C-alpha atoms as a PDB file:
ATOM      1  CA  MET A   1      77.819 129.052 175.254  1.00  0.00           C
ATOM      2  CA  TYR A   2      77.276 130.070 171.819  1.00  0.00           C
ATOM      3  CA  ARG A   3      77.945 126.646 170.350  1.00  0.00           C
ATOM      4  CA  TYR A   4      75.651 125.415 173.053  1.00  0.00           C
ATOM      5  CA  HIS A   5      72.854 127.292 172.030  1.00  0.00           C
ATOM      6  CA  PHE A   6      73.161 127.107 167.761  1.00  0.00           C
ATOM      7  CA  LEU A   7      73.425 123.361 168.959  1.00  0.00           C
ATOM      8  CA  LEU A   8      70.143 123.565 170.773  1.00  0.00           C
ATOM      9  CA  ILE A   9      68.356 125.860 168.233  1.00  0.00           C
ATOM     10  CA  LEU A  10      69.400 122.824 165.648  1.00  0.00           C
ATOM     11  CA  PHE A  11      67.217 120.364 167.693  1.00  0.00           C
ATOM     12  CA  VAL A  12      64.172 122.370 167.976  1.00  0.00           C
ATOM     13  CA  PHE A  13      63.908 122.916 164.134  1.00  0.00           C
ATOM     14  CA  PHE A  14      64.905 120.250 162.400  1.00  0.00           C
ATOM     15  CA  ILE A  15      64.628 116.919 165.017  1.00  0.00           C
ATOM     16  CA  LEU A  16      61.377 117.683 166.814  1.00  0.00           C
ATOM     17  CA  PRO A  17      59.314 118.316 163.387  1.00  0.00           C
ATOM     18  CA  ASP A  18      59.554 114.881 162.823  1.00  0.00           C
ATOM     19  CA  PHE A  19      56.958 114.294 165.593  1.00  0.00           C
ATOM     20  CA  VAL A  20      54.997 117.314 164.557  1.00  0.00           C
ATOM     21  CA  ASN A  21      54.731 116.407 160.989  1.00  0.00           C
ATOM     22  CA  ALA A  22      53.655 113.029 161.529  1.00  0.00           C
ATOM     23  CA  ASP A  23      49.699 112.459 161.069  1.00  0.00           C
ATOM     24  CA  THR A  24      47.021 109.914 161.044  1.00  0.00           C
ATOM     25  CA  PHE A  25      47.492 109.238 157.492  1.00  0.00           C
ATOM     26  CA  ASP A  26      50.570 107.760 158.035  1.00  0.00           C
ATOM     27  CA  GLU A  27      49.471 104.920 160.073  1.00  0.00           C
ATOM     28  CA  TYR A  28      47.075 103.904 157.014  1.00  0.00           C
ATOM     29  CA  THR A  29      49.561 100.724 156.676  1.00  0.00           C
ATOM     30  CA  ASN A  30      48.904  98.255 154.092  1.00  0.00           C
ATOM     31  CA  ILE A  31      47.475  95.771 156.755  1.00  0.00           C
ATOM     32  CA  VAL A  32      44.791  98.553 157.877  1.00  0.00           C
ATOM     33  CA  LEU A  33      44.304  99.169 153.957  1.00  0.00           C
ATOM     34  CA  LYS A  34      43.272  95.605 153.383  1.00  0.00           C
ATOM     35  CA  LYS A  35      41.335  95.412 156.866  1.00  0.00           C
ATOM     36  CA  MET A  36      39.486  98.366 155.848  1.00  0.00           C
ATOM     37  CA  VAL A  37      38.218  97.074 152.301  1.00  0.00           C
ATOM     38  CA  GLU A  38      37.237  93.927 153.556  1.00  0.00           C
ATOM     39  CA  ASN A  39      35.084  95.618 156.771  1.00  0.00           C
ATOM     40  CA  ASP A  40      33.176  98.939 156.774  1.00  0.00           C
ATOM     41  CA  PHE A  41      34.947 101.624 156.617  1.00  0.00           C
ATOM     42  CA  CYS A  42      34.698 102.738 153.382  1.00  0.00           C
ATOM     43  CA  ARG A  43      32.594 101.902 150.125  1.00  0.00           C
ATOM     44  CA  GLU A  44      33.120 100.584 146.539  1.00  0.00           C
ATOM     45  CA  ILE A  45      32.353 103.597 143.806  1.00  0.00           C
ATOM     46  CA  ASP A  46      32.158 103.129 140.162  1.00  0.00           C
ATOM     47  CA  SER A  47      33.365 107.083 140.104  1.00  0.00           C
ATOM     48  CA  LEU A  48      33.947 109.813 142.453  1.00  0.00           C
ATOM     49  CA  THR A  49      32.667 113.310 141.591  1.00  0.00           C
ATOM     50  CA  LEU A  50      32.935 116.638 143.498  1.00  0.00           C
ATOM     51  CA  LYS A  51      29.532 115.910 145.187  1.00  0.00           C
ATOM     52  CA  GLU A  52      30.659 113.042 146.975  1.00  0.00           C
ATOM     53  CA  ILE A  53      33.973 114.631 148.487  1.00  0.00           C
ATOM     54  CA  SER A  54      32.212 118.105 149.450  1.00  0.00           C
ATOM     55  CA  ASP A  55      29.017 115.780 150.898  1.00  0.00           C
ATOM     56  CA  LEU A  56      31.437 113.969 152.960  1.00  0.00           C
ATOM     57  CA  ASP A  57      32.319 114.476 156.483  1.00  0.00           C
ATOM     58  CA  PRO A  58      36.329 114.833 157.276  1.00  0.00           C
ATOM     59  CA  VAL A  59      37.693 111.441 157.501  1.00  0.00           C
ATOM     60  CA  LEU A  60      41.195 112.300 159.398  1.00  0.00           C
ATOM     61  CA  LEU A  61      41.779 114.988 162.118  1.00  0.00           C
ATOM     62  CA  GLY A  62      42.942 118.390 160.551  1.00  0.00           C
ATOM     63  CA  ILE A  63      42.999 116.994 156.863  1.00  0.00           C
ATOM     64  CA  GLN A  64      39.734 118.229 154.790  1.00  0.00           C
ATOM     65  CA  ALA A  65      40.831 116.313 151.031  1.00  0.00           C
ATOM     66  CA  GLY A  66      38.593 113.305 150.580  1.00  0.00           C
ATOM     67  CA  PHE A  67      40.371 110.183 151.625  1.00  0.00           C
ATOM     68  CA  ILE A  68      40.321 106.702 149.078  1.00  0.00           C
ATOM     69  CA  ILE A  69      41.815 103.474 148.712  1.00  0.00           C
ATOM     70  CA  VAL A  70      42.639 102.189 145.415  1.00  0.00           C
ATOM     71  CA  ARG A  71      43.634  98.544 144.645  1.00  0.00           C
ATOM     72  CA  THR A  72      45.211  98.686 141.635  1.00  0.00           C
ATOM     73  CA  ASN A  73      45.650  96.244 137.980  1.00  0.00           C
ATOM     74  CA  GLU A  74      48.498  94.763 140.309  1.00  0.00           C
ATOM     75  CA  GLY A  75      46.315  93.805 143.069  1.00  0.00           C
ATOM     76  CA  ARG A  76      48.097  96.270 144.944  1.00  0.00           C
ATOM     77  CA  TYR A  77      46.392  98.599 148.054  1.00  0.00           C
ATOM     78  CA  SER A  78      47.438 102.208 147.475  1.00  0.00           C
ATOM     79  CA  ARG A  79      46.631 105.575 149.891  1.00  0.00           C
ATOM     80  CA  ALA A  80      45.321 109.359 148.589  1.00  0.00           C
ATOM     81  CA  LEU A  81      44.052 112.674 149.762  1.00  0.00           C
ATOM     82  CA  VAL A  82      42.048 114.054 146.694  1.00  0.00           C
ATOM     83  CA  GLN A  83      40.669 117.274 146.416  1.00  0.00           C
ATOM     84  CA  PHE A  84      38.568 118.772 143.481  1.00  0.00           C
ATOM     85  CA  ALA A  85      40.073 122.310 141.658  1.00  0.00           C
ATOM     86  CA  ARG A  86      40.510 124.654 138.920  1.00  0.00           C
ATOM     87  CA  GLN A  87      44.064 125.327 137.346  1.00  0.00           C
ATOM     88  CA  LYS A  88      43.699 129.090 135.984  1.00  0.00           C
ATOM     89  CA  ILE A  89      44.376 129.598 132.466  1.00  0.00           C
ATOM     90  CA  ASP A  90      43.915 133.464 132.366  1.00  0.00           C
ATOM     91  CA  ALA A  91      41.739 136.330 134.159  1.00  0.00           C
ATOM     92  CA  ASN A  92      38.749 135.134 132.589  1.00  0.00           C
ATOM     93  CA  ASN A  93      39.224 131.154 132.478  1.00  0.00           C
ATOM     94  CA  ALA A  94      39.803 128.515 134.230  1.00  0.00           C
ATOM     95  CA  THR A  95      40.009 124.203 133.684  1.00  0.00           C
ATOM     96  CA  PRO A  96      39.317 121.686 136.402  1.00  0.00           C
ATOM     97  CA  MET A  97      41.407 119.521 138.050  1.00  0.00           C
ATOM     98  CA  ILE A  98      42.268 116.938 140.470  1.00  0.00           C
ATOM     99  CA  LEU A  99      44.954 117.233 143.211  1.00  0.00           C
ATOM    100  CA  LEU A 100      46.704 113.739 144.594  1.00  0.00           C
ATOM    101  CA  GLU A 101      47.817 115.709 147.990  1.00  0.00           C
ATOM    102  CA  ARG A 102      49.245 112.592 148.619  1.00  0.00           C
ATOM    103  CA  PHE A 103      49.691 108.711 148.166  1.00  0.00           C
ATOM    104  CA  THR A 104      51.467 105.996 148.749  1.00  0.00           C
ATOM    105  CA  THR A 105      51.314 102.368 147.227  1.00  0.00           C
ATOM    106  CA  TYR A 106      52.440  99.579 149.564  1.00  0.00           C
ATOM    107  CA  ARG A 107      53.944  96.089 148.152  1.00  0.00           C
ATOM    108  CA  GLU A 108      51.914  93.189 148.347  1.00  0.00           C
ATOM    109  CA  GLY A 109      52.050  91.091 151.218  1.00  0.00           C
ATOM    110  CA  GLU A 110      54.223  93.363 153.408  1.00  0.00           C
ATOM    111  CA  GLU A 111      52.965  95.846 156.180  1.00  0.00           C
ATOM    112  CA  ARG A 112      54.954  99.072 155.578  1.00  0.00           C
ATOM    113  CA  THR A 113      56.670  98.721 152.237  1.00  0.00           C
ATOM    114  CA  VAL A 114      56.464 101.212 149.754  1.00  0.00           C
ATOM    115  CA  ILE A 115      56.678 100.983 146.107  1.00  0.00           C
ATOM    116  CA  ALA A 116      55.517 104.559 144.939  1.00  0.00           C
ATOM    117  CA  SER A 117      54.497 107.915 146.946  1.00  0.00           C
ATOM    118  CA  SER A 118      54.666 111.062 145.887  1.00  0.00           C
ATOM    119  CA  LYS A 119      52.656 114.510 146.611  1.00  0.00           C
ATOM    120  CA  ASN A 120      50.372 117.428 145.201  1.00  0.00           C
ATOM    121  CA  ILE A 121      49.876 115.375 142.061  1.00  0.00           C
ATOM    122  CA  ALA A 122      47.547 117.511 139.254  1.00  0.00           C
ATOM    123  CA  LEU A 123      45.588 115.519 137.209  1.00  0.00           C
ATOM    124  CA  PHE A 124      43.682 117.161 133.991  1.00  0.00           C
ATOM    125  CA  SER A 125      41.267 116.351 131.839  1.00  0.00           C
ATOM    126  CA  LYS A 126      42.263 112.725 130.114  1.00  0.00           C
ATOM    127  CA  PHE A 127      44.824 112.373 132.133  1.00  0.00           C
ATOM    128  CA  ARG A 128      45.201 108.679 133.653  1.00  0.00           C
ATOM    129  CA  PHE A 129      47.713 107.758 136.509  1.00  0.00           C
ATOM    130  CA  SER A 130      49.636 104.249 138.061  1.00  0.00           C
ATOM    131  CA  PHE A 131      49.682 104.035 141.654  1.00  0.00           C
ATOM    132  CA  ASP A 132      51.595 101.042 140.783  1.00  0.00           C
ATOM    133  CA  LEU A 133      54.044 103.432 138.792  1.00  0.00           C
ATOM    134  CA  GLY A 134      54.076 106.334 140.911  1.00  0.00           C
ATOM    135  CA  GLN A 135      53.185 108.172 136.812  1.00  0.00           C
ATOM    136  CA  VAL A 136      50.890 110.076 134.673  1.00  0.00           C
ATOM    137  CA  VAL A 137      51.308 107.315 132.142  1.00  0.00           C
ATOM    138  CA  PRO A 138      49.535 106.912 128.221  1.00  0.00           C
ATOM    139  CA  PRO A 139      46.875 105.267 127.374  1.00  0.00           C
ATOM    140  CA  GLU A 140      48.780 102.111 125.939  1.00  0.00           C
ATOM    141  CA  LEU A 141      50.194 102.152 129.960  1.00  0.00           C
ATOM    142  CA  GLY A 142      46.648 100.973 131.279  1.00  0.00           C
ATOM    143  CA  GLY A 143      46.762 103.097 134.028  1.00  0.00           C
ATOM    144  CA  ASP A 144      44.770 102.927 137.258  1.00  0.00           C
ATOM    145  CA  ILE A 145      42.317 106.132 137.327  1.00  0.00           C
ATOM    146  CA  LEU A 146      40.770 108.461 134.795  1.00  0.00           C
ATOM    147  CA  PHE A 147      40.042 112.017 135.405  1.00  0.00           C
ATOM    148  CA  ASP A 148      37.687 113.611 132.861  1.00  0.00           C
ATOM    149  CA  SER A 149      36.032 116.952 133.142  1.00  0.00           C
ATOM    150  CA  GLU A 150      34.069 116.558 129.790  1.00  0.00           C
ATOM    151  CA  LYS A 151      31.016 114.820 129.766  1.00  0.00           C
ATOM    152  CA  SER A 152      28.667 115.543 133.442  1.00  0.00           C
ATOM    153  CA  GLY A 153      30.969 116.930 135.366  1.00  0.00           C
ATOM    154  CA  PRO A 154      34.646 116.488 136.699  1.00  0.00           C
ATOM    155  CA  ARG A 155      34.612 112.935 138.122  1.00  0.00           C
ATOM    156  CA  LEU A 156      37.571 110.530 138.952  1.00  0.00           C
ATOM    157  CA  THR A 157      37.101 106.746 137.507  1.00  0.00           C
ATOM    158  CA  PRO A 158      38.515 103.443 137.881  1.00  0.00           C
ATOM    159  CA  LEU A 159      40.353 101.577 134.995  1.00  0.00           C
ATOM    160  CA  GLY A 160      40.848  98.185 134.048  1.00  0.00           C
ATOM    161  CA  LYS A 161      40.504  95.867 137.133  1.00  0.00           C
ATOM    162  CA  ALA A 162      41.261  98.816 139.606  1.00  0.00           C
ATOM    163  CA  LYS A 163      39.264  99.501 142.287  1.00  0.00           C
ATOM    164  CA  ILE A 164      38.385 102.883 144.167  1.00  0.00           C
ATOM    165  CA  TYR A 165      37.174 102.928 147.459  1.00  0.00           C
ATOM    166  CA  LEU A 166      35.583 105.628 149.064  1.00  0.00           C
ATOM    167  CA  VAL A 167      36.893 106.310 153.157  1.00  0.00           C
ATOM    168  CA  HIS A 168      33.499 107.109 155.073  1.00  0.00           C
ATOM    169  CA  LYS A 169      34.770 106.266 158.822  1.00  0.00           C
ATOM    170  CA  PRO A 170      38.989 105.799 160.378  1.00  0.00           C
ATOM    171  CA  HIS A 171      39.959 102.694 161.298  1.00  0.00           C
ATOM    172  CA  PRO A 172      40.653 102.352 165.339  1.00  0.00           C
ATOM    173  CA  GLU A 173      44.107 101.036 164.717  1.00  0.00           C
ATOM    174  CA  ALA A 174      45.569 104.054 162.853  1.00  0.00           C
ATOM    175  CA  LYS A 175      46.807 105.691 165.816  1.00  0.00           C
ATOM    176  CA  PRO A 176      49.862 108.406 165.075  1.00  0.00           C
ATOM    177  CA  MET A 177      52.514 107.559 167.729  1.00  0.00           C
ATOM    178  CA  LYS A 178      52.910 110.387 170.646  1.00  0.00           C
ATOM    179  CA  LYS A 179      55.829 110.856 172.753  1.00  0.00           C
ATOM    180  CA  ASP A 180      55.418 108.466 175.968  1.00  0.00           C
ATOM    181  CA  GLU A 181      54.360 109.829 179.088  1.00  0.00           C
ATOM    182  CA  SER A 182      54.515 107.135 181.589  1.00  0.00           C
ATOM    183  CA  ILE A 183      57.572 105.887 182.228  1.00  0.00           C
ATOM    184  CA  VAL A 184      59.117 106.638 185.250  1.00  0.00           C
ATOM    185  CA  VAL A 185      62.358 105.390 185.983  1.00  0.00           C
ATOM    186  CA  GLY A 186      63.582 104.373 189.704  1.00  0.00           C
ATOM    187  CA  PRO A 187      66.750 104.011 191.480  1.00  0.00           C
ATOM    188  CA  ASN A 188      66.885 100.884 190.083  1.00  0.00           C
ATOM    189  CA  PHE A 189      67.433 100.332 186.609  1.00  0.00           C
ATOM    190  CA  ASP A 190      65.076  97.792 185.000  1.00  0.00           C
ATOM    191  CA  MET A 191      65.063  96.549 181.701  1.00  0.00           C
ATOM    192  CA  LYS A 192      61.758  97.040 180.620  1.00  0.00           C
ATOM    193  CA  TYR A 193      62.730 100.452 180.327  1.00  0.00           C
ATOM    194  CA  PHE A 194      64.178  99.861 176.885  1.00  0.00           C
ATOM    195  CA  ASN A 195      60.873  98.247 175.499  1.00  0.00           C
ATOM    196  CA  GLY A 196      59.474 101.334 173.327  1.00  0.00           C
ATOM    197  CA  THR A 197      59.074 102.430 169.594  1.00  0.00           C
ATOM    198  CA  TYR A 198      61.602 105.370 168.961  1.00  0.00           C
ATOM    199  CA  GLN A 199      62.514 107.267 165.911  1.00  0.00           C
ATOM    200  CA  LEU A 200      66.641 106.564 165.133  1.00  0.00           C
ATOM    201  CA  ASN A 201      68.373 108.474 163.022  1.00  0.00           C
ATOM    202  CA  ASP A 202      71.685 106.728 161.939  1.00  0.00           C
ATOM    203  CA  ASP A 203      73.975 110.072 161.310  1.00  0.00           C
ATOM    204  CA  GLY A 204      71.284 111.393 159.191  1.00  0.00           C
ATOM    205  CA  ARG A 205      71.938 108.928 156.423  1.00  0.00           C
ATOM    206  CA  ARG A 206      69.052 106.721 157.464  1.00  0.00           C
ATOM    207  CA  THR A 207      66.199 107.282 159.511  1.00  0.00           C
ATOM    208  CA  GLY A 208      62.851 104.932 160.559  1.00  0.00           C
ATOM    209  CA  LYS A 209      60.964 103.396 163.685  1.00  0.00           C
ATOM    210  CA  LEU A 210      62.770 101.239 165.657  1.00  0.00           C
ATOM    211  CA  ILE A 211      60.910  98.838 167.730  1.00  0.00           C
ATOM    212  CA  LEU A 212      62.764  97.680 170.996  1.00  0.00           C
ATOM    213  CA  LYS A 213      61.869  94.573 173.338  1.00  0.00           C
ATOM    214  CA  VAL A 214      64.040  93.566 175.885  1.00  0.00           C
ATOM    215  CA  ASP A 215      63.808  90.655 178.523  1.00  0.00           C
ATOM    216  CA  ASP A 216      64.740  90.672 182.093  1.00  0.00           C
ATOM    217  CA  LEU A 217      67.608  88.672 181.311  1.00  0.00           C
ATOM    218  CA  GLY A 218      68.792  91.750 178.358  1.00  0.00           C
ATOM    219  CA  GLU A 219      68.042  89.779 175.118  1.00  0.00           C
ATOM    220  CA  VAL A 220      66.891  92.104 172.466  1.00  0.00           C
ATOM    221  CA  VAL A 221      64.399  91.463 169.567  1.00  0.00           C
ATOM    222  CA  GLY A 222      62.937  93.615 167.040  1.00  0.00           C
ATOM    223  CA  SER A 223      62.300  95.589 164.037  1.00  0.00           C
ATOM    224  CA  PHE A 224      63.496  98.488 161.762  1.00  0.00           C
ATOM    225  CA  TYR A 225      60.716 100.384 160.016  1.00  0.00           C
ATOM    226  CA  SER A 226      63.198 102.348 157.044  1.00  0.00           C
ATOM    227  CA  ASP A 227      61.583 106.051 156.574  1.00  0.00           C
ATOM    228  CA  LYS A 228      62.957 106.102 152.754  1.00  0.00           C
ATOM    229  CA  ASP A 229      60.546 102.952 151.607  1.00  0.00           C
ATOM    230  CA  GLY A 230      59.111 101.212 154.729  1.00  0.00           C
ATOM    231  CA  GLN A 231      61.233  98.216 154.439  1.00  0.00           C
ATOM    232  CA  LYS A 232      60.816  95.857 157.585  1.00  0.00           C
ATOM    233  CA  TYR A 233      63.957  94.700 159.407  1.00  0.00           C
ATOM    234  CA  ASP A 234      65.588  92.373 161.651  1.00  0.00           C
ATOM    235  CA  VAL A 235      66.381  93.747 164.884  1.00  0.00           C
ATOM    236  CA  ARG A 236      68.363  91.111 167.386  1.00  0.00           C
ATOM    237  CA  GLY A 237      70.775  92.205 170.615  1.00  0.00           C
ATOM    238  CA  LYS A 238      71.935  92.569 174.204  1.00  0.00           C
ATOM    239  CA  ALA A 239      71.422  95.100 176.759  1.00  0.00           C
ATOM    240  CA  GLY A 240      72.529  95.028 180.582  1.00  0.00           C
ATOM    241  CA  ALA A 241      76.065  95.812 180.767  1.00  0.00           C
ATOM    242  CA  PRO A 242      76.277  98.112 182.355  1.00  0.00           C
ATOM    243  CA  PRO A 243      72.505  98.443 182.753  1.00  0.00           C
ATOM    244  CA  HIS A 244      71.545 101.286 180.622  1.00  0.00           C
ATOM    245  CA  ALA A 245      73.666 100.159 177.737  1.00  0.00           C
ATOM    246  CA  ILE A 246      72.063  98.053 174.563  1.00  0.00           C
ATOM    247  CA  GLN A 247      73.616  96.475 172.053  1.00  0.00           C
ATOM    248  CA  PHE A 248      72.359  95.844 168.560  1.00  0.00           C
ATOM    249  CA  ILE A 249      72.125  94.682 165.109  1.00  0.00           C
ATOM    250  CA  ILE A 250      70.009  95.609 162.385  1.00  0.00           C
ATOM    251  CA  LYS A 251      70.379  92.740 159.502  1.00  0.00           C
ATOM    252  CA  PHE A 252      69.685  94.185 156.104  1.00  0.00           C
ATOM    253  CA  PRO A 253      69.800  91.948 153.253  1.00  0.00           C
ATOM    254  CA  ARG A 254      73.268  91.689 152.464  1.00  0.00           C
ATOM    255  CA  ILE A 255      74.724  93.486 155.325  1.00  0.00           C
ATOM    256  CA  GLU A 256      74.453  93.757 159.247  1.00  0.00           C
ATOM    257  CA  GLN A 257      74.652  97.349 160.758  1.00  0.00           C
ATOM    258  CA  ILE A 258      76.105  97.062 164.911  1.00  0.00           C
ATOM    259  CA  PHE A 259      74.630  99.687 166.968  1.00  0.00           C
ATOM    260  CA  GLN A 260      75.825 100.699 170.795  1.00  0.00           C
ATOM    261  CA  GLY A 261      74.231 103.015 173.113  1.00  0.00           C
ATOM    262  CA  PHE A 262      72.949 103.964 176.596  1.00  0.00           C
ATOM    263  CA  LEU A 263      69.602 105.070 177.340  1.00  0.00           C
ATOM    264  CA  PHE A 264      69.225 108.020 179.488  1.00  0.00           C
ATOM    265  CA  THR A 265      69.075 107.345 183.170  1.00  0.00           C
ATOM    266  CA  SER A 266      66.574 109.813 183.948  1.00  0.00           C
ATOM    267  CA  ASP A 267      63.693 109.437 181.804  1.00  0.00           C
ATOM    268  CA  ALA A 268      64.690 106.782 180.001  1.00  0.00           C
ATOM    269  CA  LYS A 269      63.392 108.719 176.288  1.00  0.00           C
ATOM    270  CA  ALA A 270      66.358 108.728 174.075  1.00  0.00           C
ATOM    271  CA  ILE A 271      69.027 106.174 172.842  1.00  0.00           C
ATOM    272  CA  ALA A 272      72.455 107.588 171.719  1.00  0.00           C
ATOM    273  CA  GLY A 273      75.885 106.456 170.870  1.00  0.00           C
ATOM    274  CA  SER A 274      77.687 105.230 168.039  1.00  0.00           C
ATOM    275  CA  SER A 275      76.885 102.597 165.032  1.00  0.00           C
ATOM    276  CA  LYS A 276      79.371 100.631 162.957  1.00  0.00           C
ATOM    277  CA  LEU A 277      78.854  99.838 159.153  1.00  0.00           C
ATOM    278  CA  VAL A 278      81.422  97.578 157.382  1.00  0.00           C
ATOM    279  CA  ASP A 279      84.570 100.032 157.672  1.00  0.00           C
ATOM    280  CA  ARG A 280      82.230 102.702 158.714  1.00  0.00           C
ATOM    281  CA  ASP A 281      81.962 104.336 162.222  1.00  0.00           C
ATOM    282  CA  SER A 282      79.261 106.775 162.717  1.00  0.00           C
ATOM    283  CA  ALA A 283      76.743 108.412 165.916  1.00  0.00           C
ATOM    284  CA  PHE A 284      73.026 107.860 165.994  1.00  0.00           C
ATOM    285  CA  TYR A 285      70.505 108.730 168.423  1.00  0.00           C
ATOM    286  CA  ALA A 286      66.964 107.460 168.818  1.00  0.00           C
ATOM    287  CA  ILE A 287      63.809 108.839 170.449  1.00  0.00           C
ATOM    288  CA  ARG A 288      60.942 107.506 172.028  1.00  0.00           C
ATOM    289  CA  ILE A 289      57.750 107.934 170.494  1.00  0.00           C
ATOM    290  CA  GLU A 290      55.995 105.393 171.815  1.00  0.00           C
END
């Protein structure tokens, strides 16, 4: 009994937060950013000032930071949440700074593949930042933005061919995934119960979004998006023997991983089973999120 309670506590504190902490910002993928720049969801600016941030209504629910899109010198799209702040020096003095609360730079031509990402990066006056490298850089490496507080007030300006776009309204395609409440499992199992998006956890070693589509004959196709870098991998397989069983394969660049599992027959909210990668056998679970 004590072991059961301990495992239940682990589930609540270590698994459920993955869903609670997700927000709309995570759904602004490379494709969505491109659409926003090409349409009336943001405007290009020569510089970003404190006044422009403070005058803008919050774009994302529950997030007060300014939302910008950066087109880097390498032609990549990056999303960022920014705030102006001051760093205390002593009891009487402080220096201006800008905080990159979060940023993500995507690989060109990919939907979610990330080449650089980080949180809570402080830029002080004369600091340059490269969204392609994900680092503060010296002048000889160029950079995409420059923070300057010595002229007409603190401001962020683009460098070289880079461009800054200030987002003024959310995009309808960027919707956070929610737990699905629509599936009602009947007395006869239906292949459509497998269809949907799951958060996959492979033995604590690999996590990501698993999208499954299963036809009436049990043929499985889909995709897996790695939480590590957003890279997309093809999924194929077969379901239906017995009806709530499924076998699917994630095809990585140099190897394939086989998953064998069973869909919960009471509510179809999760798949649990085992996986095999080369000679390593392990356990996995996948919880439906949409």
